Amino acid sequence: MKASATAWFAALVLGLSAASAHADDVDGEIESVDAEAKSITVDGKIYSTNEQTEYEDELKSFDDLKQGLRVEVDYEETDGEMIATEIEIDD
């Protein structure tokens, strides 16, 4: 019984981690800003923002993001979509 409970728990943990988001970050220049989609392109990849996205340094909101600005984007990748969790000016 103990062995099957351990195997069940291991399978559960593996299953949950496979479905969870992958967190990472990228530094680079904003190549484009899509105000309608509330997304930016950095290093050729699109990063979506949402109500939970945090802005640091002089950045107060999505409206402060401009093409050519060097930023660091912390993001989570879920189902192939990269969601910005924090955006700050890259020093």
N, C-alpha and C. Protein backbone atom coordinates (compact mmCIF):
# COMPACT_ATOMS: atom_id res chain seq x y z
N MET A 1 0.83 -1.20 0.00
CA MET A 1 0.00 0.00 0.00
C MET A 1 0.87 1.26 0.00
N LYS A 2 1.94 1.24 0.82
CA LYS A 2 2.81 2.41 0.90
C LYS A 2 3.48 2.68 -0.44
N ALA A 3 3.91 1.65 -1.15
CA ALA A 3 4.57 1.82 -2.44
C ALA A 3 3.62 2.43 -3.46
N SER A 4 2.36 1.99 -3.47
CA SER A 4 1.41 2.55 -4.45
C SER A 4 1.06 3.99 -4.11
N ALA A 5 1.00 4.35 -2.84
CA ALA A 5 0.74 5.74 -2.45
C ALA A 5 1.91 6.63 -2.86
N THR A 6 3.12 6.12 -2.69
CA THR A 6 4.30 6.88 -3.10
C THR A 6 4.33 7.07 -4.61
N ALA A 7 4.00 6.03 -5.35
CA ALA A 7 3.97 6.13 -6.81
C ALA A 7 2.89 7.11 -7.26
N TRP A 8 1.73 7.07 -6.61
CA TRP A 8 0.64 7.99 -6.95
C TRP A 8 1.07 9.43 -6.70
N PHE A 9 1.70 9.69 -5.55
CA PHE A 9 2.15 11.04 -5.21
C PHE A 9 3.20 11.52 -6.22
N ALA A 10 4.15 10.67 -6.61
CA ALA A 10 5.18 11.04 -7.58
C ALA A 10 4.55 11.37 -8.92
N ALA A 11 3.57 10.60 -9.35
CA ALA A 11 2.88 10.87 -10.61
C ALA A 11 2.13 12.20 -10.55
N LEU A 12 1.52 12.48 -9.42
CA LEU A 12 0.80 13.74 -9.23
C LEU A 12 1.75 14.93 -9.33
N VAL A 13 2.88 14.84 -8.66
CA VAL A 13 3.87 15.93 -8.68
C VAL A 13 4.39 16.14 -10.09
N LEU A 14 4.72 15.07 -10.78
CA LEU A 14 5.21 15.19 -12.16
C LEU A 14 4.15 15.79 -13.07
N GLY A 15 2.92 15.40 -12.91
CA GLY A 15 1.83 15.93 -13.72
C GLY A 15 1.60 17.40 -13.48
N LEU A 16 1.65 17.83 -12.23
CA LEU A 16 1.44 19.23 -11.91
C LEU A 16 2.58 20.10 -12.43
N SER A 17 3.81 19.62 -12.33
CA SER A 17 4.92 20.43 -12.79
C SER A 17 4.94 20.52 -14.31
N ALA A 18 4.43 19.53 -15.01
CA ALA A 18 4.36 19.60 -16.47
C ALA A 18 3.35 20.64 -16.92
N ALA A 19 2.29 20.87 -16.15
CA ALA A 19 1.25 21.81 -16.52
C ALA A 19 1.54 23.23 -16.03
N SER A 20 2.51 23.38 -15.16
CA SER A 20 2.77 24.70 -14.56
C SER A 20 3.53 25.60 -15.53
N ALA A 21 3.54 26.88 -15.20
CA ALA A 21 4.22 27.87 -16.03
C ALA A 21 5.72 27.81 -15.80
N HIS A 22 6.43 28.21 -16.81
CA HIS A 22 7.89 28.28 -16.75
C HIS A 22 8.29 29.75 -16.66
N ALA A 23 8.99 30.14 -15.60
CA ALA A 23 9.38 31.54 -15.40
C ALA A 23 10.79 31.77 -15.91
N ASP A 24 10.99 32.95 -16.49
CA ASP A 24 12.30 33.30 -17.03
C ASP A 24 12.37 34.81 -17.20
N ASP A 25 13.47 35.31 -17.77
CA ASP A 25 13.56 36.75 -18.05
C ASP A 25 14.38 36.97 -19.31
N VAL A 26 14.20 38.17 -19.88
CA VAL A 26 14.93 38.55 -21.08
C VAL A 26 15.29 40.03 -20.96
N ASP A 27 16.48 40.39 -21.44
CA ASP A 27 16.92 41.79 -21.50
C ASP A 27 17.02 42.16 -22.97
N GLY A 28 16.58 43.37 -23.30
CA GLY A 28 16.73 43.82 -24.67
C GLY A 28 15.95 45.08 -24.95
N GLU A 29 16.04 45.50 -26.19
CA GLU A 29 15.36 46.71 -26.65
C GLU A 29 13.96 46.36 -27.13
N ILE A 30 12.99 47.19 -26.79
CA ILE A 30 11.63 46.99 -27.29
C ILE A 30 11.65 47.29 -28.78
N GLU A 31 11.33 46.27 -29.58
CA GLU A 31 11.33 46.41 -31.03
C GLU A 31 10.01 46.98 -31.53
N SER A 32 8.92 46.63 -30.85
CA SER A 32 7.62 47.17 -31.21
C SER A 32 6.67 47.08 -30.02
N VAL A 33 5.65 47.95 -30.06
CA VAL A 33 4.62 48.00 -29.02
C VAL A 33 3.27 47.86 -29.71
N ASP A 34 2.46 46.91 -29.25
CA ASP A 34 1.11 46.73 -29.78
C ASP A 34 0.13 47.17 -28.69
N ALA A 35 -0.35 48.42 -28.79
CA ALA A 35 -1.23 48.98 -27.76
C ALA A 35 -2.55 48.25 -27.69
N GLU A 36 -3.06 47.79 -28.83
CA GLU A 36 -4.35 47.09 -28.84
C GLU A 36 -4.26 45.75 -28.12
N ALA A 37 -3.19 45.00 -28.38
CA ALA A 37 -3.00 43.69 -27.76
C ALA A 37 -2.32 43.79 -26.40
N LYS A 38 -1.84 45.00 -26.05
CA LYS A 38 -1.09 45.21 -24.80
C LYS A 38 0.10 44.26 -24.73
N SER A 39 0.89 44.26 -25.82
CA SER A 39 2.07 43.40 -25.86
C SER A 39 3.25 44.18 -26.43
N ILE A 40 4.45 43.66 -26.14
CA ILE A 40 5.67 44.23 -26.68
C ILE A 40 6.49 43.11 -27.31
N THR A 41 7.35 43.50 -28.24
CA THR A 41 8.27 42.55 -28.85
C THR A 41 9.68 42.90 -28.41
N VAL A 42 10.37 41.92 -27.84
CA VAL A 42 11.75 42.06 -27.40
C VAL A 42 12.50 40.83 -27.90
N ASP A 43 13.63 41.05 -28.56
CA ASP A 43 14.45 39.96 -29.06
C ASP A 43 13.65 39.03 -29.97
N GLY A 44 12.74 39.64 -30.76
CA GLY A 44 11.97 38.87 -31.72
C GLY A 44 10.81 38.07 -31.15
N LYS A 45 10.54 38.19 -29.85
CA LYS A 45 9.46 37.44 -29.22
C LYS A 45 8.42 38.39 -28.62
N ILE A 46 7.18 37.97 -28.65
CA ILE A 46 6.08 38.79 -28.15
C ILE A 46 5.80 38.45 -26.69
N TYR A 47 5.73 39.49 -25.86
CA TYR A 47 5.43 39.35 -24.44
C TYR A 47 4.13 40.10 -24.15
N SER A 48 3.11 39.36 -23.74
CA SER A 48 1.82 39.95 -23.41
C SER A 48 1.85 40.50 -21.99
N THR A 49 1.06 41.54 -21.75
CA THR A 49 0.91 42.08 -20.41
C THR A 49 -0.54 41.90 -19.99
N ASN A 50 -0.78 42.03 -18.68
CA ASN A 50 -2.14 41.95 -18.15
C ASN A 50 -2.24 42.80 -16.89
N GLU A 51 -3.34 42.70 -16.18
CA GLU A 51 -3.55 43.50 -14.96
C GLU A 51 -2.53 43.20 -13.87
N GLN A 52 -1.95 42.00 -13.90
CA GLN A 52 -0.99 41.61 -12.87
C GLN A 52 0.45 42.02 -13.20
N THR A 53 0.70 42.49 -14.42
CA THR A 53 2.06 42.89 -14.79
C THR A 53 2.49 44.06 -13.92
N GLU A 54 3.67 43.94 -13.32
CA GLU A 54 4.22 45.00 -12.46
C GLU A 54 5.23 45.81 -13.28
N TYR A 55 5.24 47.12 -13.06
CA TYR A 55 6.17 48.03 -13.74
C TYR A 55 7.08 48.64 -12.69
N GLU A 56 8.38 48.66 -12.96
CA GLU A 56 9.37 49.15 -12.00
C GLU A 56 10.11 50.35 -12.57
N ASP A 57 10.96 50.94 -11.74
CA ASP A 57 11.75 52.11 -12.09
C ASP A 57 10.81 53.25 -12.47
N GLU A 58 11.09 53.93 -13.58
CA GLU A 58 10.23 55.05 -14.00
C GLU A 58 8.98 54.57 -14.72
N LEU A 59 8.88 53.29 -14.98
CA LEU A 59 7.71 52.74 -15.68
C LEU A 59 6.55 52.60 -14.71
N LYS A 60 5.44 53.22 -15.06
CA LYS A 60 4.26 53.17 -14.18
C LYS A 60 3.13 52.32 -14.77
N SER A 61 3.12 52.19 -16.10
CA SER A 61 2.05 51.44 -16.77
C SER A 61 2.50 51.03 -18.17
N PHE A 62 1.66 50.30 -18.85
CA PHE A 62 1.95 49.88 -20.22
C PHE A 62 2.22 51.08 -21.12
N ASP A 63 1.53 52.18 -20.88
CA ASP A 63 1.66 53.37 -21.71
C ASP A 63 3.06 53.97 -21.68
N ASP A 64 3.89 53.62 -20.70
CA ASP A 64 5.25 54.12 -20.61
C ASP A 64 6.22 53.34 -21.49
N LEU A 65 5.78 52.23 -22.05
CA LEU A 65 6.65 51.39 -22.89
C LEU A 65 6.72 51.97 -24.29
N LYS A 66 7.94 52.19 -24.78
CA LYS A 66 8.16 52.80 -26.09
C LYS A 66 9.19 51.99 -26.87
N GLN A 67 9.02 52.00 -28.18
CA GLN A 67 9.99 51.35 -29.06
C GLN A 67 11.37 51.96 -28.80
N GLY A 68 12.40 51.12 -28.72
CA GLY A 68 13.77 51.55 -28.50
C GLY A 68 14.21 51.55 -27.04
N LEU A 69 13.26 51.47 -26.12
CA LEU A 69 13.57 51.44 -24.69
C LEU A 69 14.19 50.10 -24.32
N ARG A 70 15.32 50.11 -23.59
CA ARG A 70 15.94 48.86 -23.13
C ARG A 70 15.26 48.43 -21.83
N VAL A 71 14.77 47.21 -21.80
CA VAL A 71 14.03 46.71 -20.65
C VAL A 71 14.50 45.31 -20.26
N GLU A 72 14.15 44.95 -19.04
CA GLU A 72 14.24 43.56 -18.58
C GLU A 72 12.82 43.11 -18.35
N VAL A 73 12.45 42.01 -18.96
CA VAL A 73 11.10 41.47 -18.84
C VAL A 73 11.17 40.14 -18.11
N ASP A 74 10.54 40.05 -16.95
CA ASP A 74 10.36 38.78 -16.27
C ASP A 74 9.04 38.23 -16.78
N TYR A 75 9.01 36.96 -17.14
CA TYR A 75 7.79 36.41 -17.73
C TYR A 75 7.60 34.96 -17.35
N GLU A 76 6.37 34.52 -17.53
CA GLU A 76 6.02 33.11 -17.38
C GLU A 76 5.49 32.62 -18.71
N GLU A 77 5.97 31.47 -19.13
CA GLU A 77 5.49 30.88 -20.37
C GLU A 77 4.48 29.80 -20.04
N THR A 78 3.28 29.98 -20.55
CA THR A 78 2.20 29.03 -20.33
C THR A 78 1.54 28.71 -21.67
N ASP A 79 1.51 27.46 -22.02
CA ASP A 79 0.91 27.02 -23.29
C ASP A 79 1.44 27.82 -24.47
N GLY A 80 2.74 28.10 -24.47
CA GLY A 80 3.38 28.78 -25.58
C GLY A 80 3.24 30.29 -25.58
N GLU A 81 2.49 30.85 -24.64
CA GLU A 81 2.34 32.31 -24.55
C GLU A 81 3.22 32.83 -23.43
N MET A 82 3.93 33.94 -23.72
CA MET A 82 4.81 34.54 -22.72
C MET A 82 4.10 35.75 -22.12
N ILE A 83 3.81 35.64 -20.81
CA ILE A 83 3.10 36.69 -20.09
C ILE A 83 4.10 37.43 -19.20
N ALA A 84 4.23 38.75 -19.41
CA ALA A 84 5.15 39.55 -18.61
C ALA A 84 4.61 39.69 -17.20
N THR A 85 5.42 39.30 -16.22
CA THR A 85 5.03 39.47 -14.82
C THR A 85 5.61 40.77 -14.25
N GLU A 86 6.77 41.19 -14.80
CA GLU A 86 7.40 42.44 -14.36
C GLU A 86 8.22 43.00 -15.52
N ILE A 87 8.15 44.32 -15.69
CA ILE A 87 8.94 45.00 -16.70
C ILE A 87 9.66 46.16 -16.02
N GLU A 88 10.98 46.24 -16.24
CA GLU A 88 11.75 47.33 -15.67
C GLU A 88 12.79 47.80 -16.67
N ILE A 89 13.30 49.00 -16.47
CA ILE A 89 14.32 49.53 -17.35
C ILE A 89 15.61 48.75 -17.11
N ASP A 90 16.27 48.34 -18.20
CA ASP A 90 17.50 47.57 -18.10
C ASP A 90 18.67 48.52 -17.95
N ASP A 91 19.42 48.35 -16.87
CA ASP A 91 20.58 49.20 -16.61
C ASP A 91 21.81 48.75 -17.35
